[in-house]
Amino acid sequence: MTQYQNHSNAIGTYAHTAWHASPTTVSMLEATKPVVPVKIDTQPQHVITDLNKTAIIIVDMQNDFCTEKGWVDHIGGNYAIDRQPIAPLQQLLPTLRAHDVPVIWVNWGNRADLANTPANQHHLYKPTGQGIGLGEALPEHGSHVLEKDSWAAAIVDELAPEASDILVDKYRISGFWDTELDSILRNLGIKTILFAGVNTDQCVLHTLTDANFLGYGCIMLKDCCATSSPDFCTEATIWNVKKCFGFVCDSTDVLSSIQNIAGE
């Protein structure tokens, strides 16, 4: 803490990005966290980043996509394959939380009245105009498809978020479109983002590409992502991330890099 902050009151959501105010002065100097460098064995190059400026975004690990009797299961999709990230995330998240890495869940959670949902998004889930679409009740249990605060939009039980985690509702394939996600990341002082979730080639990819366009360093965790699309979609996604949008590795590479800090 600087001399300008010694006799002032913090005003802000997070201590390291807060201002400090007194009756006579407002200090905009941030109480910057110390740099914690970690070297991660990513492709196409290794990455050295600051763990104190890193967050993980987990996309759409919710019941409608990843659980029996969810929307994907209802339409005959392979929801089981979207459960593949659960086990590696269960291993990774405790370590990230222990090192104060923000865990941000970005789930499709529409308004009940669908007031901000244009026709093209309805078409995505009801392309022929028949069947069960956005906001409509699934016959198996009556939960409304991808509706905020419903069972359908809830994170799967195996990955129940902790109180310190941050939850963001999204309304499009990208988690940045028309949401507060970018503002949250900037308020946290984040520079590097780890990406996980489903589907690799859809919501994960396009949330990652938007993050890249906004200037964040992006690392896709391959083993923490899944998709029911054909294999070539995953191959193309990984190729494009490495070529244009960031870096790729497995969660075990991140764990190893953190464990190497100060000989842990």
C-alpha atoms as a PDB file:
ATOM      1  CA  MET A   1       0.000   0.000   0.000  1.00  0.00           C
ATOM      2  CA  THR A   2       1.367   3.439  -0.957  1.00  0.00           C
ATOM      3  CA  GLN A   3       1.586   6.509   1.245  1.00  0.00           C
ATOM      4  CA  TYR A   4      -1.455   7.902  -0.555  1.00  0.00           C
ATOM      5  CA  GLN A   5      -3.559   4.954   0.615  1.00  0.00           C
ATOM      6  CA  ASN A   6      -2.429   4.685   4.242  1.00  0.00           C
ATOM      7  CA  HIS A   7      -5.119   6.962   5.664  1.00  0.00           C
ATOM      8  CA  SER A   8      -7.941   6.424   3.179  1.00  0.00           C
ATOM      9  CA  ASN A   9     -10.902   4.144   2.610  1.00  0.00           C
ATOM     10  CA  ALA A  10     -10.991   1.556  -0.155  1.00  0.00           C
ATOM     11  CA  ILE A  11     -13.835   1.991  -2.647  1.00  0.00           C
ATOM     12  CA  GLY A  12     -14.232  -0.765  -5.186  1.00  0.00           C
ATOM     13  CA  THR A  13     -15.328  -4.356  -5.587  1.00  0.00           C
ATOM     14  CA  TYR A  14     -11.855  -5.909  -5.505  1.00  0.00           C
ATOM     15  CA  ALA A  15      -9.028  -4.749  -3.252  1.00  0.00           C
ATOM     16  CA  HIS A  16      -6.353  -4.842  -5.938  1.00  0.00           C
ATOM     17  CA  THR A  17      -8.298  -2.612  -8.358  1.00  0.00           C
ATOM     18  CA  ALA A  18     -10.008  -0.352  -5.806  1.00  0.00           C
ATOM     19  CA  TRP A  19      -9.552   3.387  -5.445  1.00  0.00           C
ATOM     20  CA  HIS A  20      -8.769   4.885  -2.026  1.00  0.00           C
ATOM     21  CA  ALA A  21     -10.626   7.965  -0.836  1.00  0.00           C
ATOM     22  CA  SER A  22     -10.215  10.438   2.011  1.00  0.00           C
ATOM     23  CA  PRO A  23     -11.976  13.766   2.606  1.00  0.00           C
ATOM     24  CA  THR A  24      -9.279  15.534   0.607  1.00  0.00           C
ATOM     25  CA  THR A  25      -7.859  12.991  -1.868  1.00  0.00           C
ATOM     26  CA  VAL A  26      -8.834  10.130  -4.129  1.00  0.00           C
ATOM     27  CA  SER A  27      -6.007   7.783  -5.087  1.00  0.00           C
ATOM     28  CA  MET A  28      -6.537   5.833  -8.299  1.00  0.00           C
ATOM     29  CA  LEU A  29      -3.338   3.856  -7.716  1.00  0.00           C
ATOM     30  CA  GLU A  30      -4.029   0.131  -7.619  1.00  0.00           C
ATOM     31  CA  ALA A  31      -2.682  -2.153  -4.904  1.00  0.00           C
ATOM     32  CA  THR A  32      -1.254  -4.411  -7.567  1.00  0.00           C
ATOM     33  CA  LYS A  33      -0.783  -8.050  -6.648  1.00  0.00           C
ATOM     34  CA  PRO A  34       2.768  -9.411  -6.920  1.00  0.00           C
ATOM     35  CA  VAL A  35       3.612 -11.073 -10.206  1.00  0.00           C
ATOM     36  CA  VAL A  36       3.434 -14.872  -9.979  1.00  0.00           C
ATOM     37  CA  PRO A  37       5.020 -16.135 -13.204  1.00  0.00           C
ATOM     38  CA  VAL A  38       4.037 -19.582 -14.424  1.00  0.00           C
ATOM     39  CA  LYS A  39       5.433 -21.276 -17.522  1.00  0.00           C
ATOM     40  CA  ILE A  40       2.821 -23.484 -19.190  1.00  0.00           C
ATOM     41  CA  ASP A  41       3.648 -26.159 -21.747  1.00  0.00           C
ATOM     42  CA  THR A  42       1.249 -24.910 -24.418  1.00  0.00           C
ATOM     43  CA  GLN A  43       1.245 -25.189 -28.206  1.00  0.00           C
ATOM     44  CA  PRO A  44       2.373 -23.779 -30.583  1.00  0.00           C
ATOM     45  CA  GLN A  45       4.731 -22.065 -28.104  1.00  0.00           C
ATOM     46  CA  HIS A  46       5.186 -22.204 -24.365  1.00  0.00           C
ATOM     47  CA  VAL A  47       3.485 -19.403 -22.451  1.00  0.00           C
ATOM     48  CA  ILE A  48       4.758 -17.490 -19.422  1.00  0.00           C
ATOM     49  CA  THR A  49       1.934 -15.644 -17.718  1.00  0.00           C
ATOM     50  CA  ASP A  50       1.063 -14.076 -14.376  1.00  0.00           C
ATOM     51  CA  LEU A  51      -1.096 -16.394 -12.286  1.00  0.00           C
ATOM     52  CA  ASN A  52      -2.411 -13.355 -10.391  1.00  0.00           C
ATOM     53  CA  LYS A  53      -3.815 -11.980 -13.651  1.00  0.00           C
ATOM     54  CA  THR A  54      -5.290 -15.271 -14.871  1.00  0.00           C
ATOM     55  CA  ALA A  55      -8.885 -16.542 -14.723  1.00  0.00           C
ATOM     56  CA  ILE A  56     -10.692 -19.625 -15.980  1.00  0.00           C
ATOM     57  CA  ILE A  57     -13.937 -19.367 -17.939  1.00  0.00           C
ATOM     58  CA  ILE A  58     -16.070 -22.509 -18.022  1.00  0.00           C
ATOM     59  CA  VAL A  59     -18.743 -22.438 -20.697  1.00  0.00           C
ATOM     60  CA  ASP A  60     -22.159 -24.154 -20.632  1.00  0.00           C
ATOM     61  CA  MET A  61     -21.436 -27.053 -18.282  1.00  0.00           C
ATOM     62  CA  GLN A  62     -25.149 -27.076 -17.525  1.00  0.00           C
ATOM     63  CA  ASN A  63     -27.922 -29.630 -17.315  1.00  0.00           C
ATOM     64  CA  ASP A  64     -29.535 -28.927 -20.675  1.00  0.00           C
ATOM     65  CA  PHE A  65     -26.297 -29.861 -22.440  1.00  0.00           C
ATOM     66  CA  CYS A  66     -24.610 -32.307 -20.081  1.00  0.00           C
ATOM     67  CA  THR A  67     -27.258 -34.208 -18.132  1.00  0.00           C
ATOM     68  CA  GLU A  68     -29.761 -36.975 -18.766  1.00  0.00           C
ATOM     69  CA  LYS A  69     -33.214 -35.563 -19.563  1.00  0.00           C
ATOM     70  CA  GLY A  70     -31.772 -32.204 -20.547  1.00  0.00           C
ATOM     71  CA  TRP A  71     -32.501 -30.575 -23.899  1.00  0.00           C
ATOM     72  CA  VAL A  72     -29.648 -32.315 -25.763  1.00  0.00           C
ATOM     73  CA  ASP A  73     -30.798 -35.685 -24.449  1.00  0.00           C
ATOM     74  CA  HIS A  74     -34.384 -34.830 -25.375  1.00  0.00           C
ATOM     75  CA  ILE A  75     -33.494 -34.210 -29.030  1.00  0.00           C
ATOM     76  CA  GLY A  76     -31.454 -37.414 -29.200  1.00  0.00           C
ATOM     77  CA  GLY A  77     -28.016 -35.827 -28.916  1.00  0.00           C
ATOM     78  CA  ASN A  78     -25.041 -37.382 -27.165  1.00  0.00           C
ATOM     79  CA  TYR A  79     -25.121 -35.519 -23.852  1.00  0.00           C
ATOM     80  CA  ALA A  80     -22.697 -38.062 -22.333  1.00  0.00           C
ATOM     81  CA  ILE A  81     -19.779 -36.819 -24.434  1.00  0.00           C
ATOM     82  CA  ASP A  82     -20.337 -33.311 -23.057  1.00  0.00           C
ATOM     83  CA  ARG A  83     -19.677 -34.699 -19.584  1.00  0.00           C
ATOM     84  CA  GLN A  84     -16.036 -35.473 -20.405  1.00  0.00           C
ATOM     85  CA  PRO A  85     -14.728 -32.187 -18.940  1.00  0.00           C
ATOM     86  CA  ILE A  86     -16.226 -32.943 -15.510  1.00  0.00           C
ATOM     87  CA  ALA A  87     -13.427 -35.196 -14.209  1.00  0.00           C
ATOM     88  CA  PRO A  88     -10.461 -33.011 -15.268  1.00  0.00           C
ATOM     89  CA  LEU A  89     -12.210 -29.895 -13.975  1.00  0.00           C
ATOM     90  CA  GLN A  90     -12.761 -31.606 -10.638  1.00  0.00           C
ATOM     91  CA  GLN A  91      -8.985 -32.053 -10.467  1.00  0.00           C
ATOM     92  CA  LEU A  92      -8.059 -28.585 -11.700  1.00  0.00           C
ATOM     93  CA  LEU A  93     -10.475 -26.230  -9.952  1.00  0.00           C
ATOM     94  CA  PRO A  94      -9.384 -26.814  -6.321  1.00  0.00           C
ATOM     95  CA  THR A  95      -5.817 -25.871  -7.242  1.00  0.00           C
ATOM     96  CA  LEU A  96      -6.903 -22.758  -9.122  1.00  0.00           C
ATOM     97  CA  ARG A  97      -9.122 -21.645  -6.252  1.00  0.00           C
ATOM     98  CA  ALA A  98      -6.305 -22.276  -3.762  1.00  0.00           C
ATOM     99  CA  HIS A  99      -4.188 -19.813  -5.749  1.00  0.00           C
ATOM    100  CA  ASP A 100      -6.997 -17.214  -5.983  1.00  0.00           C
ATOM    101  CA  VAL A 101      -7.534 -17.729  -9.703  1.00  0.00           C
ATOM    102  CA  PRO A 102     -11.091 -16.515 -10.411  1.00  0.00           C
ATOM    103  CA  VAL A 103     -13.461 -19.268 -11.554  1.00  0.00           C
ATOM    104  CA  ILE A 104     -16.088 -17.831 -13.897  1.00  0.00           C
ATOM    105  CA  TRP A 105     -19.061 -19.920 -15.074  1.00  0.00           C
ATOM    106  CA  VAL A 106     -20.698 -18.678 -18.268  1.00  0.00           C
ATOM    107  CA  ASN A 107     -24.015 -20.455 -18.789  1.00  0.00           C
ATOM    108  CA  TRP A 108     -26.780 -19.997 -21.302  1.00  0.00           C
ATOM    109  CA  GLY A 109     -29.531 -18.508 -19.102  1.00  0.00           C
ATOM    110  CA  ASN A 110     -32.214 -16.642 -21.037  1.00  0.00           C
ATOM    111  CA  ARG A 111     -34.778 -14.223 -19.659  1.00  0.00           C
ATOM    112  CA  ALA A 112     -38.081 -15.948 -19.005  1.00  0.00           C
ATOM    113  CA  ASP A 113     -39.795 -13.587 -21.454  1.00  0.00           C
ATOM    114  CA  LEU A 114     -37.038 -14.025 -24.102  1.00  0.00           C
ATOM    115  CA  ALA A 115     -37.295 -10.286 -24.729  1.00  0.00           C
ATOM    116  CA  ASN A 116     -33.672 -10.004 -25.931  1.00  0.00           C
ATOM    117  CA  THR A 117     -33.750 -13.192 -28.023  1.00  0.00           C
ATOM    118  CA  PRO A 118     -34.111 -12.573 -31.777  1.00  0.00           C
ATOM    119  CA  ALA A 119     -35.649 -15.008 -34.213  1.00  0.00           C
ATOM    120  CA  ASN A 120     -32.318 -16.380 -35.393  1.00  0.00           C
ATOM    121  CA  GLN A 121     -31.569 -17.640 -31.873  1.00  0.00           C
ATOM    122  CA  HIS A 122     -34.960 -19.326 -31.689  1.00  0.00           C
ATOM    123  CA  HIS A 123     -34.136 -20.970 -35.020  1.00  0.00           C
ATOM    124  CA  LEU A 124     -30.909 -22.352 -33.556  1.00  0.00           C
ATOM    125  CA  TYR A 125     -32.915 -24.457 -31.110  1.00  0.00           C
ATOM    126  CA  LYS A 126     -36.059 -25.022 -33.191  1.00  0.00           C
ATOM    127  CA  PRO A 127     -34.834 -25.038 -36.806  1.00  0.00           C
ATOM    128  CA  THR A 128     -37.942 -26.592 -38.354  1.00  0.00           C
ATOM    129  CA  GLY A 129     -40.404 -24.722 -36.166  1.00  0.00           C
ATOM    130  CA  GLN A 130     -41.362 -27.977 -34.501  1.00  0.00           C
ATOM    131  CA  GLY A 131     -40.323 -29.620 -31.236  1.00  0.00           C
ATOM    132  CA  ILE A 132     -39.149 -28.062 -27.977  1.00  0.00           C
ATOM    133  CA  GLY A 133     -37.348 -24.722 -28.320  1.00  0.00           C
ATOM    134  CA  LEU A 134     -36.018 -21.940 -26.127  1.00  0.00           C
ATOM    135  CA  GLY A 135     -38.069 -21.285 -23.017  1.00  0.00           C
ATOM    136  CA  GLU A 136     -40.400 -24.210 -23.637  1.00  0.00           C
ATOM    137  CA  ALA A 137     -40.982 -26.927 -21.071  1.00  0.00           C
ATOM    138  CA  LEU A 138     -39.244 -30.266 -21.475  1.00  0.00           C
ATOM    139  CA  PRO A 139     -41.859 -33.028 -21.209  1.00  0.00           C
ATOM    140  CA  GLU A 140     -39.692 -35.185 -18.942  1.00  0.00           C
ATOM    141  CA  HIS A 141     -39.771 -32.736 -15.996  1.00  0.00           C
ATOM    142  CA  GLY A 142     -41.171 -29.393 -17.115  1.00  0.00           C
ATOM    143  CA  SER A 143     -37.936 -27.394 -16.872  1.00  0.00           C
ATOM    144  CA  HIS A 144     -37.804 -24.580 -19.439  1.00  0.00           C
ATOM    145  CA  VAL A 145     -35.035 -24.886 -22.023  1.00  0.00           C
ATOM    146  CA  LEU A 146     -32.034 -22.671 -21.155  1.00  0.00           C
ATOM    147  CA  GLU A 147     -34.089 -20.396 -18.908  1.00  0.00           C
ATOM    148  CA  LYS A 148     -32.245 -18.462 -16.199  1.00  0.00           C
ATOM    149  CA  ASP A 149     -32.653 -19.967 -12.701  1.00  0.00           C
ATOM    150  CA  SER A 150     -34.151 -23.175 -14.097  1.00  0.00           C
ATOM    151  CA  TRP A 151     -32.806 -26.719 -13.712  1.00  0.00           C
ATOM    152  CA  ALA A 152     -31.977 -26.581 -17.418  1.00  0.00           C
ATOM    153  CA  ALA A 153     -29.562 -23.668 -16.996  1.00  0.00           C
ATOM    154  CA  ALA A 154     -27.993 -24.884 -13.738  1.00  0.00           C
ATOM    155  CA  ILE A 155     -24.400 -26.104 -13.580  1.00  0.00           C
ATOM    156  CA  VAL A 156     -24.154 -29.892 -13.360  1.00  0.00           C
ATOM    157  CA  ASP A 157     -24.182 -31.245  -9.806  1.00  0.00           C
ATOM    158  CA  GLU A 158     -20.661 -32.658 -10.060  1.00  0.00           C
ATOM    159  CA  LEU A 159     -19.229 -29.156 -10.604  1.00  0.00           C
ATOM    160  CA  ALA A 160     -21.311 -27.196  -8.121  1.00  0.00           C
ATOM    161  CA  PRO A 161     -19.823 -23.685  -7.928  1.00  0.00           C
ATOM    162  CA  GLU A 162     -18.406 -22.313  -4.706  1.00  0.00           C
ATOM    163  CA  ALA A 163     -19.391 -19.031  -3.097  1.00  0.00           C
ATOM    164  CA  SER A 164     -16.279 -17.300  -4.390  1.00  0.00           C
ATOM    165  CA  ASP A 165     -17.008 -18.244  -8.015  1.00  0.00           C
ATOM    166  CA  ILE A 166     -18.593 -15.794 -10.455  1.00  0.00           C
ATOM    167  CA  LEU A 167     -21.641 -16.722 -12.560  1.00  0.00           C
ATOM    168  CA  VAL A 168     -22.513 -14.952 -15.811  1.00  0.00           C
ATOM    169  CA  ASP A 169     -25.604 -15.561 -17.953  1.00  0.00           C
ATOM    170  CA  LYS A 170     -25.145 -15.542 -21.710  1.00  0.00           C
ATOM    171  CA  TYR A 171     -27.676 -15.304 -24.535  1.00  0.00           C
ATOM    172  CA  ARG A 172     -25.686 -16.183 -27.636  1.00  0.00           C
ATOM    173  CA  ILE A 173     -22.984 -18.628 -28.729  1.00  0.00           C
ATOM    174  CA  SER A 174     -20.384 -16.156 -27.405  1.00  0.00           C
ATOM    175  CA  GLY A 175     -20.265 -15.411 -23.695  1.00  0.00           C
ATOM    176  CA  PHE A 176     -19.224 -11.808 -24.382  1.00  0.00           C
ATOM    177  CA  TRP A 177     -22.153 -10.741 -26.542  1.00  0.00           C
ATOM    178  CA  ASP A 178     -24.563  -8.489 -24.606  1.00  0.00           C
ATOM    179  CA  THR A 179     -23.186  -9.638 -21.209  1.00  0.00           C
ATOM    180  CA  GLU A 180     -21.113  -8.145 -18.390  1.00  0.00           C
ATOM    181  CA  LEU A 181     -18.263 -10.654 -18.836  1.00  0.00           C
ATOM    182  CA  ASP A 182     -15.672  -8.233 -20.228  1.00  0.00           C
ATOM    183  CA  SER A 183     -16.398  -5.670 -17.502  1.00  0.00           C
ATOM    184  CA  ILE A 184     -15.956  -8.326 -14.799  1.00  0.00           C
ATOM    185  CA  LEU A 185     -12.638  -9.491 -16.226  1.00  0.00           C
ATOM    186  CA  ARG A 186     -11.296  -5.943 -16.459  1.00  0.00           C
ATOM    187  CA  ASN A 187     -12.455  -5.139 -12.931  1.00  0.00           C
ATOM    188  CA  LEU A 188     -10.534  -8.214 -11.761  1.00  0.00           C
ATOM    189  CA  GLY A 189      -7.426  -7.071 -13.651  1.00  0.00           C
ATOM    190  CA  ILE A 190      -7.341 -10.238 -15.785  1.00  0.00           C
ATOM    191  CA  LYS A 191      -4.970 -10.527 -18.741  1.00  0.00           C
ATOM    192  CA  THR A 192      -4.933 -14.294 -19.449  1.00  0.00           C
ATOM    193  CA  ILE A 193      -7.940 -16.625 -19.669  1.00  0.00           C
ATOM    194  CA  LEU A 194      -8.085 -20.418 -19.510  1.00  0.00           C
ATOM    195  CA  PHE A 195     -11.057 -21.831 -21.443  1.00  0.00           C
ATOM    196  CA  ALA A 196     -13.098 -24.959 -20.721  1.00  0.00           C
ATOM    197  CA  GLY A 197     -16.593 -26.304 -21.332  1.00  0.00           C
ATOM    198  CA  VAL A 198     -18.900 -27.227 -24.189  1.00  0.00           C
ATOM    199  CA  ASN A 199     -19.192 -27.278 -27.075  1.00  0.00           C
ATOM    200  CA  THR A 200     -15.548 -26.984 -28.138  1.00  0.00           C
ATOM    201  CA  ASP A 201     -16.321 -25.842 -31.672  1.00  0.00           C
ATOM    202  CA  GLN A 202     -19.240 -23.597 -30.791  1.00  0.00           C
ATOM    203  CA  CYS A 203     -19.697 -21.704 -27.516  1.00  0.00           C
ATOM    204  CA  VAL A 204     -16.161 -22.340 -26.229  1.00  0.00           C
ATOM    205  CA  LEU A 205     -14.510 -21.342 -29.494  1.00  0.00           C
ATOM    206  CA  HIS A 206     -16.529 -18.195 -30.043  1.00  0.00           C
ATOM    207  CA  THR A 207     -16.204 -17.014 -26.461  1.00  0.00           C
ATOM    208  CA  LEU A 208     -12.448 -17.548 -26.859  1.00  0.00           C
ATOM    209  CA  THR A 209     -12.269 -15.716 -30.187  1.00  0.00           C
ATOM    210  CA  ASP A 210     -14.152 -12.726 -28.773  1.00  0.00           C
ATOM    211  CA  ALA A 211     -11.735 -12.699 -25.825  1.00  0.00           C
ATOM    212  CA  ASN A 212      -8.868 -12.673 -28.309  1.00  0.00           C
ATOM    213  CA  PHE A 213     -10.399  -9.754 -30.206  1.00  0.00           C
ATOM    214  CA  LEU A 214     -10.711  -7.875 -26.894  1.00  0.00           C
ATOM    215  CA  GLY A 215      -6.989  -8.316 -26.206  1.00  0.00           C
ATOM    216  CA  TYR A 216      -6.885 -11.172 -23.697  1.00  0.00           C
ATOM    217  CA  GLY A 217      -4.333 -13.968 -23.847  1.00  0.00           C
ATOM    218  CA  CYS A 218      -6.311 -17.165 -24.497  1.00  0.00           C
ATOM    219  CA  ILE A 219      -5.451 -20.755 -23.565  1.00  0.00           C
ATOM    220  CA  MET A 220      -7.824 -23.580 -24.458  1.00  0.00           C
ATOM    221  CA  LEU A 221      -7.670 -26.582 -22.122  1.00  0.00           C
ATOM    222  CA  LYS A 222      -8.246 -29.462 -24.522  1.00  0.00           C
ATOM    223  CA  ASP A 223      -9.140 -32.103 -21.960  1.00  0.00           C
ATOM    224  CA  CYS A 224     -11.588 -29.730 -20.262  1.00  0.00           C
ATOM    225  CA  CYS A 225     -13.516 -29.151 -23.488  1.00  0.00           C
ATOM    226  CA  ALA A 226     -15.896 -31.449 -25.356  1.00  0.00           C
ATOM    227  CA  THR A 227     -18.361 -31.490 -28.232  1.00  0.00           C
ATOM    228  CA  SER A 228     -20.877 -33.841 -29.757  1.00  0.00           C
ATOM    229  CA  SER A 229     -19.886 -32.571 -33.206  1.00  0.00           C
ATOM    230  CA  PRO A 230     -17.817 -34.804 -35.513  1.00  0.00           C
ATOM    231  CA  ASP A 231     -14.140 -35.196 -34.652  1.00  0.00           C
ATOM    232  CA  PHE A 232     -13.017 -32.971 -37.500  1.00  0.00           C
ATOM    233  CA  CYS A 233     -14.734 -30.019 -35.786  1.00  0.00           C
ATOM    234  CA  THR A 234     -12.494 -30.401 -32.724  1.00  0.00           C
ATOM    235  CA  GLU A 235      -9.435 -30.819 -34.931  1.00  0.00           C
ATOM    236  CA  ALA A 236     -10.268 -27.652 -36.869  1.00  0.00           C
ATOM    237  CA  THR A 237     -10.983 -25.715 -33.680  1.00  0.00           C
ATOM    238  CA  ILE A 238      -7.656 -26.641 -32.090  1.00  0.00           C
ATOM    239  CA  TRP A 239      -5.812 -25.853 -35.316  1.00  0.00           C
ATOM    240  CA  ASN A 240      -7.468 -22.443 -35.574  1.00  0.00           C
ATOM    241  CA  VAL A 241      -6.857 -21.562 -31.931  1.00  0.00           C
ATOM    242  CA  LYS A 242      -3.154 -22.381 -32.326  1.00  0.00           C
ATOM    243  CA  LYS A 243      -2.967 -20.549 -35.655  1.00  0.00           C
ATOM    244  CA  CYS A 244      -4.965 -17.404 -34.938  1.00  0.00           C
ATOM    245  CA  PHE A 245      -6.478 -17.015 -31.495  1.00  0.00           C
ATOM    246  CA  GLY A 246      -4.168 -18.289 -28.749  1.00  0.00           C
ATOM    247  CA  PHE A 247      -2.695 -21.459 -27.320  1.00  0.00           C
ATOM    248  CA  VAL A 248      -3.775 -24.973 -26.339  1.00  0.00           C
ATOM    249  CA  CYS A 249      -2.737 -27.451 -23.661  1.00  0.00           C
ATOM    250  CA  ASP A 250      -4.239 -29.913 -21.178  1.00  0.00           C
ATOM    251  CA  SER A 251      -5.280 -29.111 -17.624  1.00  0.00           C
ATOM    252  CA  THR A 252      -2.420 -31.296 -16.379  1.00  0.00           C
ATOM    253  CA  ASP A 253       0.028 -28.856 -17.972  1.00  0.00           C
ATOM    254  CA  VAL A 254      -1.502 -26.022 -15.962  1.00  0.00           C
ATOM    255  CA  LEU A 255      -1.423 -28.076 -12.770  1.00  0.00           C
ATOM    256  CA  SER A 256       2.234 -28.927 -13.333  1.00  0.00           C
ATOM    257  CA  SER A 257       3.143 -25.294 -13.910  1.00  0.00           C
ATOM    258  CA  ILE A 258       1.425 -24.205 -10.698  1.00  0.00           C
ATOM    259  CA  GLN A 259       3.033 -27.008  -8.702  1.00  0.00           C
ATOM    260  CA  ASN A 260       6.420 -25.798  -9.915  1.00  0.00           C
ATOM    261  CA  ILE A 261       5.906 -22.411  -8.225  1.00  0.00           C
ATOM    262  CA  ALA A 262       8.353 -22.204  -5.322  1.00  0.00           C
ATOM    263  CA  GLY A 263       8.866 -25.965  -5.532  1.00  0.00           C
ATOM    264  CA  GLU A 264       5.315 -26.960  -4.571  1.00  0.00           C
END
